[in-house]
Amino acid sequence: MNKKAALKFVLAIGVVSFFADMTYEGSRSITGPYLAVLGASAFVVGVVSGLGELLGYGLRLVSGRLSERTQKFWPITLFGYAIQMASVPALALAGSWPVAAILMITERIGKATRNPPRDVMLSHAASEMGYGWGFGVHEALDQFGALFGPLLVWLVIAEKTQYRAAFATLLFPAIITMVLVVAARFLYPHPENLEVAAPTIEVEGLPRAFWVYFAGAALVAAGFVDFPIMAFHFQKSDAIAKSSIPIFYSVAMAVSGAGSLLFGRFFDRIGIKVLLPLTLISSAATPLVFLGGFKMALAGSALWGLGTGVHESIIPAAVARIVPAARRPSAYGLFTAGFGISWFLGSAVIGALYTISIPALVAFSVGAQLAAIPFFLRIVLINPPR
């Protein structure tokens, strides 16, 4: 009975995420070019996207600890969604790149607020389904929303030839998101009841395996190029038509959603070792995007999407497997805070390198991601599949 209820909860939150991602990922598919049109440089785009990720991940430390201390998972989740969904259509009103940058960062703050308590609620349901499959199903719905959002943006731009009209159109999925998340709150007021209680184990701090995993994920984050920088490159180069940028993002999100389902199943079977080939494969995205023409850029965007799916599904699933249930809220907050700091620092370096040397940018990105593999190997030995 619990498994059936758990699946329904995961699907309910997945549908919320479908429309949420349609909103903010539709927006993110054009924020890089939008900032460029408003007069921002590559370095500014890198810093803004990196700062957004810094706050978007770093503030999860606060949100995670607050939700662990108060056990108010739903109120914090609802507040975060409200901030995020209001910020995206407001970009239609931005008259300069600083205003647009503030709204982009505010959107990330909203995501930071709602993600740790939402992931904890999902982890309770996923424990009954298999963590990889539970988070994978959720992420697939999430990423399919991220597929349709950029397509919607592309259609609006093709018709109206204006970024502002595209941002305004995203008001509609934003409203649907808020209606659905409020409905989910009333349908599933206590998702913690979906997890069969495990014996309580008192531990001092977080397990050693958590810190090794944390180090590897931080290196991956530092080397992972954010899509606004990729879109900025597409805007400035002649590799692809500017109107095709949202299509490339949609392709990435389709691969991300399918990869989440497939590799979520693999995670439940073989554990964290699934990250070894995935890290190697996704690191190839950067040279394909920045050094190739149309076909290579498309392939690189697809591999970038695969990497995104890994970040959003297997990473939280692995934390849930490593950390006891009572410590998950603060563990998610701490883990994603460090992830965001690394992403910010890496994005700033990548943005600066773009104006100096694209081969150096590629070397930094690939090198940082490959440096994570020894840490993932170590975590396999510390925390074998079970």
Protein backbone atom coordinates (compact mmCIF):
# COMPACT_ATOMS: atom_id res chain seq x y z
CA MET A 1 0.00 0.00 0.00
CA ASN A 2 2.83 2.38 0.88
CA LYS A 3 4.51 1.79 -2.47
CA LYS A 4 1.36 2.78 -4.36
CA ALA A 5 0.90 5.91 -2.25
CA ALA A 6 4.59 6.73 -2.62
CA LEU A 7 4.37 6.50 -6.41
CA LYS A 8 1.32 8.79 -6.43
CA PHE A 9 3.18 11.37 -4.35
CA VAL A 10 6.25 11.23 -6.59
CA LEU A 11 4.03 11.65 -9.66
CA ALA A 12 2.16 14.57 -8.04
CA ILE A 13 5.39 16.41 -7.26
CA GLY A 14 6.68 15.43 -10.70
CA VAL A 15 3.72 17.14 -12.39
CA VAL A 16 4.36 20.25 -10.28
CA SER A 17 7.98 20.15 -11.41
CA PHE A 18 6.88 19.68 -15.03
CA PHE A 19 5.15 23.06 -15.07
CA ALA A 20 7.75 24.71 -12.84
CA ASP A 21 10.51 23.65 -15.21
CA MET A 22 8.47 24.69 -18.21
CA THR A 23 8.50 28.13 -16.62
CA TYR A 24 12.03 28.65 -15.41
CA GLU A 25 13.89 26.45 -17.87
CA GLY A 26 12.02 28.12 -20.70
CA SER A 27 13.37 31.35 -19.28
CA ARG A 28 16.92 30.03 -18.83
CA SER A 29 17.08 28.94 -22.46
CA ILE A 30 17.24 32.61 -23.49
CA THR A 31 18.65 34.49 -20.48
CA GLY A 32 22.20 34.39 -21.88
CA PRO A 33 21.21 35.98 -25.22
CA TYR A 34 18.79 38.32 -23.38
CA LEU A 35 21.59 39.66 -21.21
CA ALA A 36 23.74 40.07 -24.33
CA VAL A 37 20.98 42.06 -26.06
CA LEU A 38 20.71 44.26 -22.96
CA GLY A 39 24.44 44.99 -23.20
CA ALA A 40 26.10 42.48 -20.84
CA SER A 41 29.55 41.01 -21.59
CA ALA A 42 30.56 37.33 -21.49
CA PHE A 43 32.20 37.90 -18.11
CA VAL A 44 28.99 39.46 -16.75
CA VAL A 45 26.94 36.53 -18.06
CA GLY A 46 29.35 34.09 -16.41
CA VAL A 47 29.29 35.94 -13.09
CA VAL A 48 25.50 36.37 -13.09
CA SER A 49 24.86 32.72 -13.93
CA GLY A 50 27.49 31.62 -11.43
CA LEU A 51 26.19 33.92 -8.70
CA GLY A 52 22.70 32.65 -9.37
CA GLU A 53 23.90 29.08 -8.90
CA LEU A 54 25.91 30.10 -5.83
CA LEU A 55 22.81 31.49 -4.15
CA GLY A 56 20.59 28.85 -5.70
CA TYR A 57 22.67 26.14 -4.06
CA GLY A 58 24.34 27.98 -1.17
CA LEU A 59 21.12 29.18 0.40
CA ARG A 60 19.91 25.58 0.54
CA LEU A 61 22.13 25.25 3.58
CA VAL A 62 19.83 27.73 5.35
CA SER A 63 16.67 26.21 3.93
CA GLY A 64 17.80 22.67 4.78
CA ARG A 65 18.68 23.48 8.37
CA LEU A 66 15.51 25.52 8.84
CA SER A 67 13.32 22.70 7.55
CA GLU A 68 15.17 20.15 9.71
CA ARG A 69 14.76 22.30 12.82
CA THR A 70 11.14 23.32 12.26
CA GLN A 71 9.90 20.25 10.34
CA LYS A 72 7.81 22.75 8.32
CA PHE A 73 8.56 21.18 4.96
CA TRP A 74 5.46 22.28 3.09
CA PRO A 75 5.38 25.98 4.12
CA ILE A 76 9.02 26.47 3.13
CA THR A 77 8.46 24.63 -0.15
CA LEU A 78 5.42 26.74 -1.02
CA PHE A 79 7.23 29.99 -0.21
CA GLY A 80 10.13 29.03 -2.47
CA TYR A 81 7.87 28.17 -5.38
CA ALA A 82 6.04 31.49 -5.01
CA ILE A 83 9.28 33.50 -5.23
CA GLN A 84 10.56 31.51 -8.19
CA MET A 85 7.35 31.58 -10.22
CA ALA A 86 6.93 35.35 -9.74
CA SER A 87 10.47 36.16 -10.90
CA VAL A 88 10.34 34.60 -14.36
CA PRO A 89 7.48 36.52 -16.04
CA ALA A 90 8.78 39.69 -14.36
CA LEU A 91 11.78 39.49 -16.73
CA ALA A 92 9.44 40.80 -19.43
CA LEU A 93 9.54 44.14 -17.59
CA ALA A 94 13.34 44.35 -17.23
CA GLY A 95 14.72 47.46 -18.94
CA SER A 96 18.43 46.84 -18.36
CA TRP A 97 20.78 43.94 -17.76
CA PRO A 98 21.24 44.74 -14.01
CA VAL A 99 17.46 44.48 -13.47
CA ALA A 100 17.32 41.26 -15.50
CA ALA A 101 20.28 39.90 -13.52
CA ILE A 102 18.54 40.61 -10.20
CA LEU A 103 15.43 38.76 -11.36
CA MET A 104 17.50 35.83 -12.62
CA ILE A 105 19.23 35.60 -9.24
CA THR A 106 15.90 35.93 -7.38
CA GLU A 107 14.56 32.98 -9.36
CA ARG A 108 17.54 30.91 -8.18
CA ILE A 109 16.89 32.01 -4.57
CA GLY A 110 13.34 30.72 -4.86
CA LYS A 111 14.63 27.37 -6.08
CA ALA A 112 17.15 27.30 -3.22
CA THR A 113 14.36 27.82 -0.71
CA ARG A 114 12.08 25.06 -1.89
CA ASN A 115 14.46 22.31 -2.99
CA PRO A 116 15.82 20.86 0.30
CA PRO A 117 12.40 20.40 1.99
CA ARG A 118 10.91 19.13 -1.27
CA ASP A 119 13.77 16.63 -1.75
CA VAL A 120 13.36 15.40 1.82
CA MET A 121 9.67 14.76 1.17
CA LEU A 122 10.57 12.97 -2.06
CA SER A 123 13.20 10.88 -0.26
CA HIS A 124 10.54 9.49 2.09
CA ALA A 125 8.50 8.30 -0.90
CA ALA A 126 11.56 7.17 -2.87
CA SER A 127 12.68 4.92 -0.02
CA GLU A 128 9.72 2.69 -0.84
CA MET A 129 10.38 2.66 -4.61
CA GLY A 130 14.18 2.68 -4.76
CA TYR A 131 15.96 6.01 -4.45
CA GLY A 132 17.28 6.01 -7.99
CA TRP A 133 13.91 5.16 -9.53
CA GLY A 134 11.96 7.56 -7.31
CA PHE A 135 14.21 10.53 -7.99
CA GLY A 136 14.58 9.42 -11.61
CA VAL A 137 10.80 9.41 -12.24
CA HIS A 138 10.52 12.83 -10.65
CA GLU A 139 13.47 14.19 -12.63
CA ALA A 140 12.10 12.78 -15.88
CA LEU A 141 8.84 14.71 -15.44
CA ASP A 142 10.88 17.71 -14.35
CA GLN A 143 13.06 17.60 -17.44
CA PHE A 144 10.21 16.98 -19.86
CA GLY A 145 8.80 20.26 -18.59
CA ALA A 146 12.22 21.71 -19.32
CA LEU A 147 11.86 20.31 -22.84
CA PHE A 148 8.52 21.98 -23.55
CA GLY A 149 9.39 25.31 -21.91
CA PRO A 150 12.14 26.21 -24.40
CA LEU A 151 9.95 24.98 -27.27
CA LEU A 152 7.21 27.34 -26.11
CA VAL A 153 9.76 30.16 -25.93
CA TRP A 154 11.01 29.30 -29.42
CA LEU A 155 7.48 29.46 -30.84
CA VAL A 156 6.83 32.84 -29.23
CA ILE A 157 10.14 34.27 -30.45
CA ALA A 158 9.52 32.93 -33.95
CA GLU A 159 6.12 34.64 -33.98
CA LYS A 160 6.83 37.84 -32.05
CA THR A 161 10.65 38.12 -32.48
CA GLN A 162 10.82 39.52 -28.94
CA TYR A 163 12.34 38.07 -25.79
CA ARG A 164 9.94 40.08 -23.63
CA ALA A 165 6.89 38.40 -25.18
CA ALA A 166 8.42 35.00 -24.42
CA PHE A 167 8.95 35.85 -20.75
CA ALA A 168 5.39 37.19 -20.48
CA THR A 169 3.98 33.95 -21.95
CA LEU A 170 5.68 31.98 -19.17
CA LEU A 171 3.24 33.53 -16.68
CA PHE A 172 0.71 30.84 -17.60
CA PRO A 173 2.72 27.73 -16.60
CA ALA A 174 3.86 29.68 -13.52
CA ILE A 175 0.25 30.07 -12.37
CA ILE A 176 -0.47 26.39 -13.06
CA THR A 177 2.56 25.44 -10.96
CA MET A 178 1.29 27.35 -7.95
CA VAL A 179 -2.20 25.84 -8.23
CA LEU A 180 -0.79 22.30 -8.41
CA VAL A 181 1.71 22.65 -5.57
CA VAL A 182 -1.01 24.01 -3.27
CA ALA A 183 -3.22 21.06 -4.26
CA ALA A 184 -0.38 18.61 -3.52
CA ARG A 185 0.03 20.17 -0.09
CA PHE A 186 -3.60 19.36 0.80
CA LEU A 187 -3.57 15.90 -0.80
CA TYR A 188 -0.32 14.82 0.92
CA PRO A 189 0.07 16.83 4.14
CA HIS A 190 2.43 14.28 5.76
CA PRO A 191 4.68 12.60 3.14
CA GLU A 192 7.04 11.45 5.92
CA ASN A 193 4.46 8.77 6.70
CA LEU A 194 5.24 7.13 3.35
CA GLU A 195 8.61 5.86 4.61
CA VAL A 196 8.71 2.77 6.80
CA ALA A 197 10.53 3.80 9.96
CA ALA A 198 14.08 2.44 10.16
CA PRO A 199 15.89 1.74 13.42
CA THR A 200 17.22 4.99 14.89
CA ILE A 201 21.00 5.20 14.74
CA GLU A 202 22.70 7.96 16.69
CA VAL A 203 25.64 9.41 14.77
CA GLU A 204 28.04 12.24 15.46
CA GLY A 205 28.05 14.49 12.41
CA LEU A 206 27.72 13.20 8.87
CA PRO A 207 29.26 9.93 7.61
CA ARG A 208 32.76 9.99 6.09
CA ALA A 209 31.30 8.74 2.82
CA PHE A 210 29.26 11.94 2.61
CA TRP A 211 32.38 14.13 2.70
CA VAL A 212 34.21 12.11 0.04
CA TYR A 213 31.15 12.29 -2.20
CA PHE A 214 30.86 16.00 -1.45
CA ALA A 215 34.44 16.60 -2.68
CA GLY A 216 33.86 14.76 -5.96
CA ALA A 217 30.58 16.52 -6.67
CA ALA A 218 32.19 19.92 -5.98
CA LEU A 219 34.80 19.26 -8.67
CA VAL A 220 32.09 18.28 -11.16
CA ALA A 221 30.21 21.51 -10.34
CA ALA A 222 33.31 23.65 -10.83
CA GLY A 223 33.86 22.28 -14.32
CA PHE A 224 30.24 22.16 -15.44
CA VAL A 225 29.47 24.97 -17.91
CA ASP A 226 26.13 26.66 -17.25
CA PHE A 227 23.81 26.94 -20.25
CA PRO A 228 23.71 30.78 -20.29
CA ILE A 229 27.44 30.73 -21.18
CA MET A 230 26.79 28.14 -23.89
CA ALA A 231 23.88 30.21 -25.22
CA PHE A 232 26.03 33.33 -25.11
CA HIS A 233 28.62 31.49 -27.22
CA PHE A 234 25.93 30.41 -29.68
CA GLN A 235 24.69 34.02 -29.85
CA LYS A 236 28.17 35.41 -30.56
CA SER A 237 29.35 32.70 -32.96
CA ASP A 238 27.97 31.52 -36.27
CA ALA A 239 27.78 27.87 -35.21
CA ILE A 240 23.97 27.85 -35.09
CA ALA A 241 21.12 30.21 -35.91
CA LYS A 242 20.16 32.38 -32.95
CA SER A 243 16.53 31.26 -33.21
CA SER A 244 17.67 27.64 -32.73
CA ILE A 245 19.15 28.20 -29.26
CA PRO A 246 15.94 27.21 -27.41
CA ILE A 247 15.75 24.08 -29.59
CA PHE A 248 19.22 23.05 -28.48
CA TYR A 249 18.13 23.52 -24.88
CA SER A 250 15.04 21.41 -25.48
CA VAL A 251 17.21 18.61 -26.89
CA ALA A 252 19.38 18.79 -23.78
CA MET A 253 16.34 18.57 -21.51
CA ALA A 254 14.91 15.60 -23.45
CA VAL A 255 18.19 13.70 -23.00
CA SER A 256 18.26 14.74 -19.36
CA GLY A 257 14.77 13.37 -18.68
CA ALA A 258 15.37 10.07 -20.47
CA GLY A 259 18.77 9.69 -18.81
CA SER A 260 17.26 10.26 -15.38
CA LEU A 261 14.91 7.31 -15.82
CA LEU A 262 17.51 4.98 -17.30
CA PHE A 263 20.38 5.76 -14.96
CA GLY A 264 18.10 6.02 -11.94
CA ARG A 265 17.37 2.32 -12.46
CA PHE A 266 21.07 1.59 -12.84
CA PHE A 267 21.76 3.49 -9.62
CA ASP A 268 19.37 1.24 -7.68
CA ARG A 269 21.15 -1.83 -9.10
CA ILE A 270 24.84 -0.89 -8.97
CA GLY A 271 24.98 2.20 -6.75
CA ILE A 272 27.28 5.20 -7.03
CA LYS A 273 29.63 3.47 -9.48
CA VAL A 274 27.19 4.52 -12.21
CA LEU A 275 28.67 8.03 -11.81
CA LEU A 276 32.06 6.88 -13.13
CA PRO A 277 31.12 6.47 -16.82
CA LEU A 278 28.55 9.26 -16.65
CA THR A 279 31.12 11.79 -15.42
CA LEU A 280 33.50 10.78 -18.20
CA ILE A 281 30.80 11.02 -20.87
CA SER A 282 29.30 14.33 -19.75
CA SER A 283 32.74 15.98 -19.56
CA ALA A 284 32.91 15.65 -23.36
CA ALA A 285 30.11 18.22 -23.70
CA THR A 286 32.37 21.26 -23.33
CA PRO A 287 34.80 20.59 -26.22
CA LEU A 288 31.92 19.64 -28.50
CA VAL A 289 30.00 22.83 -27.71
CA PHE A 290 32.88 25.31 -27.84
CA LEU A 291 35.16 23.79 -30.48
CA GLY A 292 32.74 22.36 -33.02
CA GLY A 293 30.21 23.39 -35.61
CA PHE A 294 26.45 22.79 -35.71
CA LYS A 295 26.44 18.99 -35.38
CA MET A 296 29.10 18.89 -32.67
CA ALA A 297 27.35 21.67 -30.74
CA LEU A 298 24.09 19.72 -30.90
CA ALA A 299 25.82 16.55 -29.65
CA GLY A 300 27.53 18.56 -26.92
CA SER A 301 24.19 20.05 -25.84
CA ALA A 302 22.76 16.53 -25.56
CA LEU A 303 25.70 15.39 -23.40
CA TRP A 304 25.34 18.54 -21.31
CA GLY A 305 21.70 17.55 -20.76
CA LEU A 306 22.79 14.09 -19.65
CA GLY A 307 25.10 15.70 -17.10
CA THR A 308 22.26 17.91 -15.87
CA GLY A 309 20.06 14.88 -15.34
CA VAL A 310 22.79 13.24 -13.28
CA HIS A 311 23.08 16.33 -11.09
CA GLU A 312 19.36 16.54 -10.48
CA SER A 313 18.48 12.87 -9.92
CA ILE A 314 21.39 10.61 -9.01
CA ILE A 315 23.11 13.16 -6.77
CA PRO A 316 20.12 13.60 -4.39
CA ALA A 317 19.43 9.85 -4.58
CA ALA A 318 23.01 9.13 -3.50
CA VAL A 319 22.80 11.55 -0.56
CA ALA A 320 19.62 9.81 0.59
CA ARG A 321 21.41 6.45 0.49
CA ILE A 322 24.51 7.68 2.34
CA VAL A 323 22.90 9.83 5.07
CA PRO A 324 20.44 8.67 7.79
CA ALA A 325 16.89 10.00 7.34
CA ALA A 326 17.05 12.27 10.39
CA ARG A 327 20.04 14.14 8.97
CA ARG A 328 18.87 14.47 5.37
CA PRO A 329 17.52 18.05 5.49
CA SER A 330 20.80 19.54 6.72
CA ALA A 331 22.81 17.12 4.55
CA TYR A 332 20.96 18.25 1.42
CA GLY A 333 21.42 21.86 2.43
CA LEU A 334 25.14 21.49 3.14
CA PHE A 335 25.81 19.38 0.07
CA THR A 336 24.05 21.69 -2.35
CA ALA A 337 25.58 24.79 -0.72
CA GLY A 338 29.06 23.45 -1.44
CA PHE A 339 27.94 22.42 -4.91
CA GLY A 340 26.75 25.95 -5.58
CA ILE A 341 29.90 27.62 -4.29
CA SER A 342 31.98 25.43 -6.59
CA TRP A 343 29.63 26.14 -9.48
CA PHE A 344 29.93 29.90 -8.89
CA LEU A 345 33.72 29.86 -8.73
CA GLY A 346 33.93 27.63 -11.78
CA SER A 347 31.45 29.78 -13.74
CA ALA A 348 33.42 32.94 -12.95
CA VAL A 349 36.62 31.28 -14.18
CA ILE A 350 34.87 29.95 -17.29
CA GLY A 351 33.38 33.37 -18.06
CA ALA A 352 36.80 35.00 -17.75
CA LEU A 353 38.50 32.32 -19.84
CA TYR A 354 35.94 32.75 -22.62
CA THR A 355 37.34 36.21 -23.37
CA ILE A 356 40.95 34.99 -23.13
CA SER A 357 41.16 31.50 -24.62
CA ILE A 358 38.39 29.05 -25.49
CA PRO A 359 40.83 26.07 -25.50
CA ALA A 360 41.83 27.06 -21.95
CA LEU A 361 38.14 27.16 -21.01
CA VAL A 362 37.69 23.65 -22.40
CA ALA A 363 40.80 22.35 -20.58
CA PHE A 364 39.62 23.78 -17.25
CA SER A 365 36.09 22.39 -17.62
CA VAL A 366 37.12 18.88 -18.66
CA GLY A 367 40.01 18.70 -16.17
CA ALA A 368 37.86 19.66 -13.17
CA GLN A 369 35.18 17.08 -14.01
CA LEU A 370 37.66 14.26 -14.62
CA ALA A 371 39.36 15.06 -11.30
CA ALA A 372 36.14 13.98 -9.56
CA ILE A 373 36.44 10.35 -10.75
CA PRO A 374 38.97 9.23 -8.06
CA PHE A 375 36.59 10.52 -5.37
CA PHE A 376 33.68 8.59 -6.85
CA LEU A 377 35.89 5.49 -7.00
CA ARG A 378 36.66 5.97 -3.31
CA ILE A 379 32.99 6.32 -2.41
CA VAL A 380 32.25 3.00 -4.12
CA LEU A 381 34.72 1.33 -1.71
CA ILE A 382 33.38 3.17 1.36
CA ASN A 383 29.70 2.75 0.53
CA PRO A 384 29.18 -0.33 -1.69
CA PRO A 385 25.79 -1.07 -3.30
CA ARG A 386 23.18 -2.56 -1.05
